[in-house]
Amino acid sequence: MAQAMKIKKGDKVVVITGRSKGVTGEVLNVSRETARVTVAGANKVTKHVKPSRAAAGGIEQREAPLHVSNVMLADPKDGKPTRVGVKTLEDGRKVRIAKRSGEVIDR
């Protein structure tokens, strides 16, 4: 069963552990089934691509998925890693907030 994910596509996140520790990037893809996220510029791997009619072959660099526990949301104020909380506004909407600064994350 998939856990509740507090990270969404388009969020700015910081990699907190692993080979790409400290890298800040945007979330490109979220997989709820495997609890993994793909972050732009982080966890680069070398992929050998076979040539096809559509594209030429060769060796290329790609971002591989990271487990969601290895990334934290970047605080909108200072860009440092922060935990995520949920708050209900006066109009009844639920929004995500940064625990570090109290800023609203959702647009």
C-alpha atoms as a PDB file:
ATOM      1  CA  MET A   1       0.000   0.000   0.000  1.00  0.00           C
ATOM      2  CA  ALA A   2       1.366   3.413  -0.952  1.00  0.00           C
ATOM      3  CA  GLN A   3       2.064   5.898   1.792  1.00  0.00           C
ATOM      4  CA  ALA A   4       0.821   9.484   1.813  1.00  0.00           C
ATOM      5  CA  MET A   5       3.343  11.513  -0.172  1.00  0.00           C
ATOM      6  CA  LYS A   6       4.038  15.087   0.847  1.00  0.00           C
ATOM      7  CA  ILE A   7       6.175  15.736  -2.228  1.00  0.00           C
ATOM      8  CA  LYS A   8       4.557  16.543  -5.571  1.00  0.00           C
ATOM      9  CA  LYS A   9       5.703  17.053  -9.150  1.00  0.00           C
ATOM     10  CA  GLY A  10       7.180  20.536  -9.614  1.00  0.00           C
ATOM     11  CA  ASP A  11       8.332  20.968  -5.986  1.00  0.00           C
ATOM     12  CA  LYS A  12      11.842  22.174  -5.183  1.00  0.00           C
ATOM     13  CA  VAL A  13      13.604  19.526  -3.101  1.00  0.00           C
ATOM     14  CA  VAL A  14      17.035  18.964  -1.540  1.00  0.00           C
ATOM     15  CA  VAL A  15      18.727  15.549  -1.642  1.00  0.00           C
ATOM     16  CA  ILE A  16      19.717  14.784   1.957  1.00  0.00           C
ATOM     17  CA  THR A  17      21.662  11.537   1.563  1.00  0.00           C
ATOM     18  CA  GLY A  18      23.489   9.450  -1.015  1.00  0.00           C
ATOM     19  CA  ARG A  19      25.772  10.213  -3.917  1.00  0.00           C
ATOM     20  CA  SER A  20      23.928  13.444  -4.822  1.00  0.00           C
ATOM     21  CA  LYS A  21      23.723  14.801  -1.262  1.00  0.00           C
ATOM     22  CA  GLY A  22      23.172  18.572  -1.173  1.00  0.00           C
ATOM     23  CA  VAL A  23      21.801  18.871  -4.718  1.00  0.00           C
ATOM     24  CA  THR A  24      18.717  21.059  -5.080  1.00  0.00           C
ATOM     25  CA  GLY A  25      16.369  20.450  -7.991  1.00  0.00           C
ATOM     26  CA  GLU A  26      12.818  20.253  -9.226  1.00  0.00           C
ATOM     27  CA  VAL A  27      10.800  17.043  -8.967  1.00  0.00           C
ATOM     28  CA  LEU A  28      10.235  15.737 -12.506  1.00  0.00           C
ATOM     29  CA  ASN A  29       8.267  12.592 -11.717  1.00  0.00           C
ATOM     30  CA  VAL A  30       6.611  10.960  -8.689  1.00  0.00           C
ATOM     31  CA  SER A  31       5.799   7.254  -8.432  1.00  0.00           C
ATOM     32  CA  ARG A  32       3.381   6.534  -5.583  1.00  0.00           C
ATOM     33  CA  GLU A  33       3.593   2.753  -6.079  1.00  0.00           C
ATOM     34  CA  THR A  34       7.354   2.569  -5.494  1.00  0.00           C
ATOM     35  CA  ALA A  35       7.639   5.748  -3.326  1.00  0.00           C
ATOM     36  CA  ARG A  36      10.311   7.178  -5.617  1.00  0.00           C
ATOM     37  CA  VAL A  37      10.883  10.621  -7.104  1.00  0.00           C
ATOM     38  CA  THR A  38      13.032  11.800 -10.000  1.00  0.00           C
ATOM     39  CA  VAL A  39      14.899  15.049  -9.310  1.00  0.00           C
ATOM     40  CA  ALA A  40      16.420  17.236 -12.051  1.00  0.00           C
ATOM     41  CA  GLY A  41      20.225  17.186 -11.840  1.00  0.00           C
ATOM     42  CA  ALA A  42      20.410  14.562  -9.076  1.00  0.00           C
ATOM     43  CA  ASN A  43      21.363  10.870  -9.105  1.00  0.00           C
ATOM     44  CA  LYS A  44      22.786  10.948 -12.626  1.00  0.00           C
ATOM     45  CA  VAL A  45      23.471   7.551 -14.194  1.00  0.00           C
ATOM     46  CA  THR A  46      25.098   6.559 -17.477  1.00  0.00           C
ATOM     47  CA  LYS A  47      22.746   4.866 -19.927  1.00  0.00           C
ATOM     48  CA  HIS A  48      23.917   3.077 -23.072  1.00  0.00           C
ATOM     49  CA  VAL A  49      21.272   3.709 -25.733  1.00  0.00           C
ATOM     50  CA  LYS A  50      20.884   1.476 -28.775  1.00  0.00           C
ATOM     51  CA  PRO A  51      20.377   3.352 -32.036  1.00  0.00           C
ATOM     52  CA  SER A  52      16.882   3.374 -33.513  1.00  0.00           C
ATOM     53  CA  ARG A  53      15.111   5.017 -36.427  1.00  0.00           C
ATOM     54  CA  ALA A  54      14.002   7.881 -34.171  1.00  0.00           C
ATOM     55  CA  ALA A  55      17.302   8.672 -32.457  1.00  0.00           C
ATOM     56  CA  ALA A  56      21.011   8.017 -32.710  1.00  0.00           C
ATOM     57  CA  GLY A  57      22.576   5.695 -30.183  1.00  0.00           C
ATOM     58  CA  GLY A  58      25.338   6.476 -27.725  1.00  0.00           C
ATOM     59  CA  ILE A  59      26.057   7.035 -24.078  1.00  0.00           C
ATOM     60  CA  GLU A  60      23.881   9.548 -22.256  1.00  0.00           C
ATOM     61  CA  GLN A  61      23.415  10.829 -18.723  1.00  0.00           C
ATOM     62  CA  ARG A  62      19.963  10.518 -17.113  1.00  0.00           C
ATOM     63  CA  GLU A  63      18.402  11.130 -13.727  1.00  0.00           C
ATOM     64  CA  ALA A  64      17.490   7.920 -11.927  1.00  0.00           C
ATOM     65  CA  PRO A  65      14.697   7.807  -9.335  1.00  0.00           C
ATOM     66  CA  LEU A  66      15.496   8.349  -5.654  1.00  0.00           C
ATOM     67  CA  HIS A  67      13.506   7.028  -2.707  1.00  0.00           C
ATOM     68  CA  VAL A  68      11.243   9.710  -1.248  1.00  0.00           C
ATOM     69  CA  SER A  69      12.935   9.325   2.166  1.00  0.00           C
ATOM     70  CA  ASN A  70      16.204  10.607   0.656  1.00  0.00           C
ATOM     71  CA  VAL A  71      14.796  14.014  -0.288  1.00  0.00           C
ATOM     72  CA  MET A  72      13.258  16.868   1.711  1.00  0.00           C
ATOM     73  CA  LEU A  73      11.259  19.819   0.509  1.00  0.00           C
ATOM     74  CA  ALA A  74      13.247  23.056   0.159  1.00  0.00           C
ATOM     75  CA  ASP A  75      11.975  25.909   2.332  1.00  0.00           C
ATOM     76  CA  PRO A  76      10.502  28.683   0.125  1.00  0.00           C
ATOM     77  CA  LYS A  77      12.258  31.347   2.259  1.00  0.00           C
ATOM     78  CA  ASP A  78      15.877  30.154   2.425  1.00  0.00           C
ATOM     79  CA  GLY A  79      16.056  26.958   0.333  1.00  0.00           C
ATOM     80  CA  LYS A  80      17.193  24.744   3.211  1.00  0.00           C
ATOM     81  CA  PRO A  81      15.556  21.341   3.824  1.00  0.00           C
ATOM     82  CA  THR A  82      12.333  21.408   5.842  1.00  0.00           C
ATOM     83  CA  ARG A  83       9.678  19.036   7.069  1.00  0.00           C
ATOM     84  CA  VAL A  84       6.162  19.395   5.684  1.00  0.00           C
ATOM     85  CA  GLY A  85       2.975  20.003   7.619  1.00  0.00           C
ATOM     86  CA  VAL A  86      -0.661  20.393   6.610  1.00  0.00           C
ATOM     87  CA  LYS A  87      -2.823  23.338   7.657  1.00  0.00           C
ATOM     88  CA  THR A  88      -6.477  24.146   6.969  1.00  0.00           C
ATOM     89  CA  LEU A  89      -7.147  27.738   5.914  1.00  0.00           C
ATOM     90  CA  GLU A  90     -10.199  29.825   6.847  1.00  0.00           C
ATOM     91  CA  ASP A  91     -11.880  29.029   3.513  1.00  0.00           C
ATOM     92  CA  GLY A  92     -11.592  25.277   4.181  1.00  0.00           C
ATOM     93  CA  ARG A  93      -8.666  24.550   1.826  1.00  0.00           C
ATOM     94  CA  LYS A  94      -5.887  22.249   3.029  1.00  0.00           C
ATOM     95  CA  VAL A  95      -2.400  23.533   2.190  1.00  0.00           C
ATOM     96  CA  ARG A  96       1.106  22.260   2.816  1.00  0.00           C
ATOM     97  CA  ILE A  97       3.318  24.428   5.024  1.00  0.00           C
ATOM     98  CA  ALA A  98       7.060  24.425   5.691  1.00  0.00           C
ATOM     99  CA  LYS A  99       7.706  23.558   9.341  1.00  0.00           C
ATOM    100  CA  ARG A 100      10.966  25.559   9.288  1.00  0.00           C
ATOM    101  CA  SER A 101       9.480  28.955   8.403  1.00  0.00           C
ATOM    102  CA  GLY A 102       5.703  28.456   8.452  1.00  0.00           C
ATOM    103  CA  GLU A 103       5.442  29.530   4.796  1.00  0.00           C
ATOM    104  CA  VAL A 104       2.660  28.106   2.628  1.00  0.00           C
ATOM    105  CA  ILE A 105       4.105  25.815  -0.050  1.00  0.00           C
ATOM    106  CA  ASP A 106       1.044  25.203  -2.238  1.00  0.00           C
ATOM    107  CA  ARG A 107       0.311  27.757  -4.918  1.00  0.00           C
END
